[in-house]
Amino acid sequence: MNEIKKIVLAYSGGLDTSVILKWLKETYQCPVVAFCADIGQGEEVAEVAGKARATGADEVLVEDLQEEFARDFVFPMLRANALYEGAYLLGTSIARPLIAQGQVAAARRTSADAVSHGATGKGNDQVRFELTYQALAPDLAIIAPWREWDLQGREDLVNFAQTHGIPVPVTAEKPYSMDRNLLHLSFEGGILEDPWAEPPADMFVLTKSPEAAPDQPHYVEIDFEAGDPMAVDGKPLSPARLVARVNALGGEHGIGRVDLVENRYVGLKSRGVYETPGGTILRAAHLAVESLTLDREMLHLRDSLIPRYAELVYYGYWFAPERYALQTLMDEAQKPVTGTARLKLYKGNVTVVGRKAPKSLYRPDLATFEAGGAYRQADATGFIRLNALRLKIRAQLEDK
């Protein structure tokens, strides 16, 4: 412990990292830099610096990384249509490598020789943080307090915080943990640990309940260029502003709520509740434009790799060579994905009602059911005969 000269802590201002900040100071007896990446947490960012200093931070760094988050992390993931276990849009998973990357940069600027995080020894985030540290700065020491101290759980943390005069944000009114960024808001723990218990109606922040959403549908158009969303209703927006805009639209109409029991990388199952209104809209729009612009075999090849890509993001391998290789394939497939999707938002549902593209592969003259057209139906006879040949031979053998 005496060898550590300075620590950069990934600090959020919540209970865990506030306790960790104080514990690091007491345990390692060295300066601690509180690093906060502003990736769209909202109002809580404004209070972070004051909380960190009051808790003993020697230096506080708050960096606005919202545009970088959307452009360099969310959009590449969107180009791959990543979805973990068929439901989770990876809002927390994709944020961790960016935070850890920012920590590493902060450690270099402040001449720190160690980094620390507030992830528990039971979760995925410890893996995501530490894989990034080691991929980008293998020389830095890593301190994971949850795997070192003798505090056993939330109750111990609350007692430690009260003893040291640290405000406790988890209350009887909100007995669960929240994690928010530009893409989503997640809820875990507390009353949500019972997978049979319905989430309380007043828990949700980004979305109205579908029952309370407007009775009239809202139509929106999303423009894409090479797989990236560029404009909403014809208005060009920066990546972060675009995500914020579709978040607001989706939230108003009750879109993007997910309640699932997922498989953590460490082997446990956990129950999570997520709000991802904008991401839900963007993925639906993206798929709609792809349906016009992607060649069949390219589309099917890409789709076969989505589960693997999503696993890499979920597990924390953002800076691993296999993720880079898959990203190259995904981005190559996205080159023709330019066009517009029109969607109807209504009481929790996103319905694609139109799509168009300047280089659409859809040919009405070939697809029409009307007479004429360039497609020769008689050509299908030989096509079917050759594709059925193996089935025919197998059936004949079985008959014998």
Protein backbone atom coordinates (compact mmCIF):
# COMPACT_ATOMS: atom_id res chain seq x y z
CA MET A 1 0.00 0.00 0.00
CA ASN A 2 2.81 2.41 0.79
CA GLU A 3 4.08 2.11 -2.78
CA ILE A 4 0.98 3.84 -4.20
CA LYS A 5 1.68 7.55 -4.70
CA LYS A 6 -1.59 8.86 -6.18
CA ILE A 7 -4.95 7.29 -7.13
CA VAL A 8 -7.54 8.31 -9.73
CA LEU A 9 -10.98 7.12 -8.64
CA ALA A 10 -13.95 6.77 -10.99
CA TYR A 11 -16.30 8.88 -8.89
CA SER A 12 -20.07 9.30 -9.32
CA GLY A 13 -21.06 10.94 -6.06
CA GLY A 14 -23.19 7.98 -5.03
CA LEU A 15 -22.94 5.98 -1.83
CA ASP A 16 -20.36 3.45 -3.00
CA THR A 17 -17.81 5.82 -4.54
CA SER A 18 -18.23 8.34 -1.73
CA VAL A 19 -17.39 5.67 0.83
CA ILE A 20 -14.56 4.41 -1.37
CA LEU A 21 -13.05 7.89 -1.64
CA LYS A 22 -12.87 8.19 2.14
CA TRP A 23 -11.61 4.59 2.50
CA LEU A 24 -8.84 5.13 -0.06
CA LYS A 25 -7.64 8.21 1.80
CA GLU A 26 -7.56 6.35 5.11
CA THR A 27 -6.10 3.12 3.75
CA TYR A 28 -3.48 4.27 1.26
CA GLN A 29 -2.56 7.61 2.88
CA CYS A 30 -1.99 9.30 -0.49
CA PRO A 31 -3.68 11.91 -2.70
CA VAL A 32 -6.90 10.81 -4.43
CA VAL A 33 -8.18 12.40 -7.64
CA ALA A 34 -11.96 12.11 -8.10
CA PHE A 35 -12.67 11.68 -11.81
CA CYS A 36 -16.23 12.10 -13.08
CA ALA A 37 -17.12 11.58 -16.74
CA ASP A 38 -20.21 13.57 -17.68
CA ILE A 39 -21.92 11.19 -20.08
CA GLY A 40 -25.43 12.51 -19.58
CA GLN A 41 -26.22 11.78 -15.94
CA GLY A 42 -28.21 14.99 -15.69
CA GLU A 43 -28.41 17.26 -12.67
CA GLU A 44 -26.31 15.03 -10.41
CA VAL A 45 -23.12 16.05 -12.26
CA ALA A 46 -23.41 19.62 -10.96
CA GLU A 47 -23.11 18.36 -7.37
CA VAL A 48 -20.24 15.94 -7.93
CA ALA A 49 -17.33 18.35 -7.43
CA GLY A 50 -18.66 19.69 -4.14
CA LYS A 51 -19.42 16.20 -2.82
CA ALA A 52 -15.97 14.93 -3.77
CA ARG A 53 -14.15 17.81 -2.07
CA ALA A 54 -16.31 17.51 1.03
CA THR A 55 -15.47 13.82 1.22
CA GLY A 56 -11.73 14.45 0.99
CA ALA A 57 -10.72 14.46 -2.67
CA ASP A 58 -7.41 16.23 -3.27
CA GLU A 59 -8.39 17.06 -6.85
CA VAL A 60 -11.64 16.81 -8.80
CA LEU A 61 -11.87 16.38 -12.57
CA VAL A 62 -15.27 16.60 -14.24
CA GLU A 63 -15.16 16.11 -18.02
CA ASP A 64 -18.04 16.51 -20.48
CA LEU A 65 -17.72 13.43 -22.68
CA GLN A 66 -21.29 13.30 -23.99
CA GLU A 67 -20.43 13.86 -27.65
CA GLU A 68 -17.56 11.39 -27.51
CA PHE A 69 -19.83 8.87 -25.79
CA ALA A 70 -22.49 9.11 -28.49
CA ARG A 71 -20.13 9.34 -31.48
CA ASP A 72 -17.40 6.86 -30.57
CA PHE A 73 -19.23 4.34 -28.40
CA VAL A 74 -23.02 4.42 -28.83
CA PHE A 75 -23.04 4.90 -32.62
CA PRO A 76 -20.55 2.10 -33.41
CA MET A 77 -22.65 -0.18 -31.23
CA LEU A 78 -25.80 0.96 -33.06
CA ARG A 79 -24.15 0.22 -36.41
CA ALA A 80 -23.81 -3.35 -35.17
CA ASN A 81 -27.43 -3.48 -33.88
CA ALA A 82 -26.05 -4.87 -30.62
CA LEU A 83 -28.60 -6.46 -28.32
CA TYR A 84 -27.62 -8.68 -25.37
CA GLU A 85 -29.79 -11.74 -24.77
CA GLY A 86 -32.45 -10.42 -27.10
CA ALA A 87 -33.49 -7.47 -24.94
CA TYR A 88 -30.73 -5.34 -23.37
CA LEU A 89 -29.41 -2.37 -25.38
CA LEU A 90 -26.20 -2.31 -23.30
CA GLY A 91 -26.54 1.20 -21.91
CA THR A 92 -24.41 0.59 -18.83
CA SER A 93 -21.99 -1.79 -20.56
CA ILE A 94 -20.99 0.69 -23.27
CA ALA A 95 -20.32 3.50 -20.77
CA ARG A 96 -17.70 1.73 -18.68
CA PRO A 97 -14.88 1.59 -21.26
CA LEU A 98 -15.26 5.32 -21.90
CA ILE A 99 -15.12 6.14 -18.18
CA ALA A 100 -12.09 3.90 -17.73
CA GLN A 101 -10.42 5.47 -20.77
CA GLY A 102 -11.00 8.90 -19.26
CA GLN A 103 -9.54 7.70 -15.96
CA VAL A 104 -6.40 6.49 -17.67
CA ALA A 105 -5.98 9.86 -19.41
CA ALA A 106 -6.53 11.62 -16.08
CA ALA A 107 -3.92 9.39 -14.43
CA ARG A 108 -1.40 10.38 -17.09
CA ARG A 109 -2.15 14.10 -16.66
CA THR A 110 -1.92 14.02 -12.87
CA SER A 111 1.04 11.60 -12.67
CA ALA A 112 -1.04 9.07 -10.75
CA ASP A 113 0.21 5.50 -10.54
CA ALA A 114 -3.09 3.80 -9.63
CA VAL A 115 -6.74 3.74 -10.66
CA SER A 116 -9.76 2.63 -8.66
CA HIS A 117 -13.44 1.94 -9.24
CA GLY A 118 -16.57 1.28 -7.21
CA ALA A 119 -17.71 -1.94 -8.86
CA THR A 120 -18.52 -4.86 -6.59
CA GLY A 121 -16.91 -8.28 -6.76
CA LYS A 122 -20.20 -9.80 -7.93
CA GLY A 123 -20.87 -7.67 -10.98
CA ASN A 124 -19.86 -7.07 -14.57
CA ASP A 125 -18.49 -3.55 -14.12
CA GLN A 126 -15.32 -4.69 -12.34
CA VAL A 127 -14.42 -6.67 -15.45
CA ARG A 128 -15.28 -3.83 -17.83
CA PHE A 129 -13.22 -1.28 -15.92
CA GLU A 130 -10.21 -3.48 -15.38
CA LEU A 131 -10.04 -4.93 -18.89
CA THR A 132 -9.92 -1.36 -20.16
CA TYR A 133 -7.24 -0.30 -17.68
CA GLN A 134 -5.05 -3.21 -18.66
CA ALA A 135 -5.63 -2.74 -22.38
CA LEU A 136 -4.74 0.96 -22.27
CA ALA A 137 -2.32 1.29 -19.32
CA PRO A 138 -0.97 -2.02 -18.05
CA ASP A 139 1.54 -0.19 -15.85
CA LEU A 140 -1.10 1.36 -13.59
CA ALA A 141 -1.96 -0.37 -10.33
CA ILE A 142 -5.63 -1.29 -9.92
CA ILE A 143 -7.45 -0.93 -6.61
CA ALA A 144 -10.83 -2.66 -6.28
CA PRO A 145 -12.04 -1.80 -2.75
CA TRP A 146 -15.00 -4.19 -2.80
CA ARG A 147 -12.49 -7.02 -3.15
CA GLU A 148 -10.16 -5.68 -0.45
CA TRP A 149 -12.06 -4.14 2.46
CA ASP A 150 -14.09 -5.86 5.17
CA LEU A 151 -17.36 -4.05 4.39
CA GLN A 152 -19.82 -6.75 3.41
CA GLY A 153 -22.82 -4.99 1.89
CA ARG A 154 -25.04 -1.95 1.60
CA GLU A 155 -25.80 -1.80 5.33
CA ASP A 156 -22.09 -1.67 6.16
CA LEU A 157 -21.58 1.12 3.63
CA VAL A 158 -24.44 3.15 5.09
CA ASN A 159 -22.98 2.76 8.59
CA PHE A 160 -19.51 3.77 7.34
CA ALA A 161 -20.99 6.80 5.57
CA GLN A 162 -22.94 7.92 8.63
CA THR A 163 -19.88 7.50 10.85
CA HIS A 164 -17.80 9.66 8.50
CA GLY A 165 -20.51 12.27 7.80
CA ILE A 166 -21.08 11.22 4.18
CA PRO A 167 -24.62 11.87 2.83
CA VAL A 168 -26.50 8.64 1.97
CA PRO A 169 -28.47 8.88 -1.32
CA VAL A 170 -30.25 5.50 -0.97
CA THR A 171 -33.41 5.99 1.11
CA ALA A 172 -36.43 3.99 2.21
CA GLU A 173 -38.39 5.74 -0.53
CA LYS A 174 -35.93 4.56 -3.23
CA PRO A 175 -34.51 1.23 -2.06
CA TYR A 176 -32.62 0.43 -5.27
CA SER A 177 -29.57 1.68 -7.14
CA MET A 178 -29.69 3.79 -10.31
CA ASP A 179 -27.16 4.37 -13.08
CA ARG A 180 -27.88 7.00 -15.71
CA ASN A 181 -26.21 8.18 -18.87
CA LEU A 182 -27.15 9.71 -22.19
CA LEU A 183 -28.34 6.37 -23.60
CA HIS A 184 -30.30 4.89 -20.72
CA LEU A 185 -31.16 4.58 -17.05
CA SER A 186 -30.79 1.31 -15.15
CA PHE A 187 -32.23 0.14 -11.85
CA GLU A 188 -30.89 -2.78 -9.80
CA GLY A 189 -30.83 -4.12 -6.29
CA GLY A 190 -33.08 -3.58 -3.31
CA ILE A 191 -36.70 -4.40 -3.96
CA LEU A 192 -35.85 -5.36 -7.56
CA GLU A 193 -33.89 -8.40 -6.39
CA ASP A 194 -37.22 -10.24 -6.22
CA PRO A 195 -37.82 -11.20 -9.88
CA TRP A 196 -41.54 -11.68 -9.15
CA ALA A 197 -42.01 -8.13 -7.85
CA GLU A 198 -43.30 -5.56 -10.34
CA PRO A 199 -41.21 -2.37 -10.41
CA PRO A 200 -42.95 0.48 -8.58
CA ALA A 201 -44.76 2.83 -10.94
CA ASP A 202 -43.01 5.91 -9.56
CA MET A 203 -39.53 4.45 -10.11
CA PHE A 204 -39.20 5.37 -13.78
CA VAL A 205 -37.54 8.65 -14.72
CA LEU A 206 -37.05 8.86 -18.48
CA THR A 207 -40.35 7.37 -19.64
CA LYS A 208 -44.04 7.85 -19.01
CA SER A 209 -46.02 4.70 -18.45
CA PRO A 210 -47.72 3.59 -21.69
CA GLU A 211 -51.07 4.10 -19.94
CA ALA A 212 -50.23 7.76 -19.29
CA ALA A 213 -48.71 8.40 -22.72
CA PRO A 214 -50.57 10.58 -25.23
CA ASP A 215 -53.66 9.10 -26.86
CA GLN A 216 -52.51 10.32 -30.27
CA PRO A 217 -49.53 8.75 -32.07
CA HIS A 218 -46.47 10.78 -32.96
CA TYR A 219 -44.66 10.35 -36.28
CA VAL A 220 -40.93 10.91 -36.53
CA GLU A 221 -38.36 10.56 -39.33
CA ILE A 222 -34.74 9.56 -38.74
CA ASP A 223 -32.08 10.11 -41.43
CA PHE A 224 -29.03 7.82 -41.62
CA GLU A 225 -25.71 8.09 -43.43
CA ALA A 226 -23.48 5.01 -43.59
CA GLY A 227 -25.33 3.54 -40.62
CA ASP A 228 -25.17 6.58 -38.35
CA PRO A 229 -28.25 8.64 -37.44
CA MET A 230 -27.71 12.21 -38.62
CA ALA A 231 -31.03 14.08 -38.42
CA VAL A 232 -34.45 13.98 -36.76
CA ASP A 233 -37.37 15.23 -38.85
CA GLY A 234 -34.91 16.71 -41.32
CA LYS A 235 -32.96 18.66 -38.68
CA PRO A 236 -29.26 17.72 -38.49
CA LEU A 237 -28.06 17.20 -34.92
CA SER A 238 -24.76 16.32 -33.28
CA PRO A 239 -24.60 12.72 -31.96
CA ALA A 240 -25.31 13.65 -28.33
CA ARG A 241 -28.07 16.10 -29.22
CA LEU A 242 -29.67 13.55 -31.51
CA VAL A 243 -29.73 10.88 -28.79
CA ALA A 244 -31.17 13.41 -26.35
CA ARG A 245 -33.88 14.37 -28.86
CA VAL A 246 -35.07 10.82 -29.51
CA ASN A 247 -34.86 10.09 -25.78
CA ALA A 248 -37.33 12.90 -25.15
CA LEU A 249 -39.67 11.67 -27.89
CA GLY A 250 -39.54 8.08 -26.74
CA GLY A 251 -39.94 8.97 -23.09
CA GLU A 252 -43.05 11.01 -23.81
CA HIS A 253 -44.65 7.99 -25.46
CA GLY A 254 -43.63 5.34 -22.94
CA ILE A 255 -41.06 3.64 -25.17
CA GLY A 256 -37.99 1.68 -24.13
CA ARG A 257 -38.81 0.02 -20.80
CA VAL A 258 -37.21 -3.39 -20.32
CA ASP A 259 -37.43 -5.73 -17.32
CA LEU A 260 -35.19 -8.79 -17.57
CA VAL A 261 -33.17 -11.37 -15.70
CA GLU A 262 -29.79 -11.44 -17.41
CA ASN A 263 -26.70 -13.60 -17.22
CA ARG A 264 -23.75 -11.72 -15.78
CA TYR A 265 -20.26 -12.51 -17.04
CA VAL A 266 -19.18 -13.69 -13.58
CA GLY A 267 -21.77 -16.48 -13.65
CA LEU A 268 -24.63 -14.99 -11.63
CA LYS A 269 -28.09 -14.11 -12.84
CA SER A 270 -29.35 -10.63 -11.98
CA ARG A 271 -32.58 -8.74 -12.45
CA GLY A 272 -32.32 -5.36 -14.13
CA VAL A 273 -34.88 -2.78 -15.18
CA TYR A 274 -33.88 -0.38 -17.93
CA GLU A 275 -35.19 2.71 -19.69
CA THR A 276 -33.73 3.20 -23.18
CA PRO A 277 -36.28 5.26 -25.11
CA GLY A 278 -34.00 6.83 -27.74
CA GLY A 279 -31.95 3.68 -28.30
CA THR A 280 -35.12 1.68 -28.92
CA ILE A 281 -36.26 4.17 -31.56
CA LEU A 282 -32.86 4.38 -33.25
CA ARG A 283 -32.44 0.63 -33.49
CA ALA A 284 -35.89 0.21 -35.07
CA ALA A 285 -35.16 3.01 -37.55
CA HIS A 286 -31.73 1.60 -38.36
CA LEU A 287 -33.13 -1.85 -39.09
CA ALA A 288 -35.74 -0.30 -41.37
CA VAL A 289 -33.12 1.48 -43.52
CA GLU A 290 -30.98 -1.65 -43.59
CA SER A 291 -33.90 -3.66 -44.94
CA LEU A 292 -33.70 -1.58 -48.13
CA THR A 293 -29.96 -1.19 -48.48
CA LEU A 294 -28.18 -4.34 -47.31
CA ASP A 295 -27.52 -7.32 -49.56
CA ARG A 296 -29.19 -10.49 -48.23
CA GLU A 297 -26.01 -12.45 -47.53
CA MET A 298 -24.27 -9.48 -45.93
CA LEU A 299 -27.33 -8.89 -43.75
CA HIS A 300 -27.51 -12.52 -42.67
CA LEU A 301 -23.77 -12.70 -41.98
CA ARG A 302 -23.93 -9.54 -39.89
CA ASP A 303 -26.99 -10.79 -38.01
CA SER A 304 -25.22 -14.03 -37.14
CA LEU A 305 -22.47 -12.00 -35.45
CA ILE A 306 -24.70 -9.68 -33.40
CA PRO A 307 -24.83 -12.02 -30.35
CA ARG A 308 -21.05 -12.32 -30.30
CA TYR A 309 -20.55 -8.57 -30.70
CA ALA A 310 -23.09 -7.87 -27.95
CA GLU A 311 -21.32 -10.33 -25.64
CA LEU A 312 -18.01 -8.54 -26.18
CA VAL A 313 -19.58 -5.22 -25.21
CA TYR A 314 -21.42 -6.70 -22.24
CA TYR A 315 -18.35 -8.53 -20.95
CA GLY A 316 -16.09 -5.47 -21.31
CA TYR A 317 -13.90 -6.30 -24.32
CA TRP A 318 -14.37 -2.95 -26.08
CA PHE A 319 -10.63 -2.46 -26.53
CA ALA A 320 -9.91 -6.08 -27.46
CA PRO A 321 -8.69 -7.11 -30.93
CA GLU A 322 -11.74 -9.29 -31.58
CA ARG A 323 -14.09 -6.33 -31.02
CA TYR A 324 -12.02 -4.18 -33.39
CA ALA A 325 -12.15 -6.93 -36.01
CA LEU A 326 -15.90 -7.34 -35.68
CA GLN A 327 -16.38 -3.57 -35.76
CA THR A 328 -14.48 -3.41 -39.05
CA LEU A 329 -16.88 -5.94 -40.56
CA MET A 330 -19.92 -4.16 -39.12
CA ASP A 331 -18.77 -0.80 -40.45
CA GLU A 332 -17.99 -2.24 -43.88
CA ALA A 333 -21.54 -3.58 -44.02
CA GLN A 334 -22.89 -0.14 -43.11
CA LYS A 335 -21.43 1.75 -46.07
CA PRO A 336 -24.65 1.58 -48.13
CA VAL A 337 -26.98 2.18 -45.15
CA THR A 338 -28.08 5.69 -46.07
CA GLY A 339 -31.74 6.61 -46.05
CA THR A 340 -34.72 7.61 -43.94
CA ALA A 341 -37.08 5.69 -41.69
CA ARG A 342 -40.51 6.96 -40.65
CA LEU A 343 -41.83 5.63 -37.36
CA LYS A 344 -45.04 5.86 -35.36
CA LEU A 345 -44.64 6.21 -31.61
CA TYR A 346 -47.68 5.18 -29.62
CA LYS A 347 -48.11 4.02 -26.02
CA GLY A 348 -44.89 2.09 -25.63
CA ASN A 349 -44.66 0.87 -29.22
CA VAL A 350 -42.39 1.82 -32.11
CA THR A 351 -43.85 0.91 -35.49
CA VAL A 352 -42.00 1.38 -38.76
CA VAL A 353 -44.46 2.88 -41.23
CA GLY A 354 -42.09 3.92 -44.03
CA ARG A 355 -38.55 3.69 -45.27
CA LYS A 356 -36.67 5.10 -48.27
CA ALA A 357 -33.09 5.12 -49.52
CA PRO A 358 -31.32 6.74 -52.49
CA LYS A 359 -29.62 3.44 -53.35
CA SER A 360 -32.38 1.05 -52.37
CA LEU A 361 -32.05 -2.59 -53.42
CA TYR A 362 -35.81 -2.91 -53.37
CA ARG A 363 -37.13 -3.12 -56.96
CA PRO A 364 -40.89 -2.73 -57.37
CA ASP A 365 -40.69 -4.00 -60.95
CA LEU A 366 -39.23 -7.28 -59.66
CA ALA A 367 -41.25 -7.63 -56.46
CA THR A 368 -44.68 -6.79 -57.89
CA PHE A 369 -47.44 -9.40 -57.80
CA GLU A 370 -48.98 -7.81 -60.87
CA ALA A 371 -48.50 -9.17 -64.36
CA GLY A 372 -45.35 -8.33 -66.26
CA GLY A 373 -42.16 -7.05 -64.72
CA ALA A 374 -38.57 -8.12 -65.21
CA TYR A 375 -38.72 -11.25 -63.03
CA ARG A 376 -39.23 -14.47 -64.99
CA GLN A 377 -41.25 -16.77 -62.76
CA ALA A 378 -40.38 -19.82 -64.86
CA ASP A 379 -36.75 -19.47 -63.73
CA ALA A 380 -37.82 -20.62 -60.26
CA THR A 381 -38.49 -24.18 -61.50
CA GLY A 382 -34.82 -25.10 -61.91
CA PHE A 383 -33.88 -23.18 -58.78
CA ILE A 384 -36.29 -25.21 -56.66
CA ARG A 385 -35.37 -28.51 -58.34
CA LEU A 386 -31.65 -28.10 -57.60
CA ASN A 387 -32.20 -26.94 -54.02
CA ALA A 388 -34.58 -29.83 -53.39
CA LEU A 389 -32.28 -32.48 -54.86
CA ARG A 390 -30.65 -33.49 -51.57
CA LEU A 391 -34.04 -33.65 -49.86
CA LYS A 392 -35.40 -35.81 -52.67
CA ILE A 393 -32.45 -38.24 -52.50
CA ARG A 394 -32.82 -38.51 -48.71
CA ALA A 395 -36.51 -39.25 -48.99
CA GLN A 396 -35.89 -41.93 -51.61
CA LEU A 397 -33.34 -43.66 -49.35
CA GLU A 398 -35.73 -43.60 -46.41
CA ASP A 399 -38.47 -45.16 -48.56
CA LYS A 400 -36.20 -48.10 -49.29
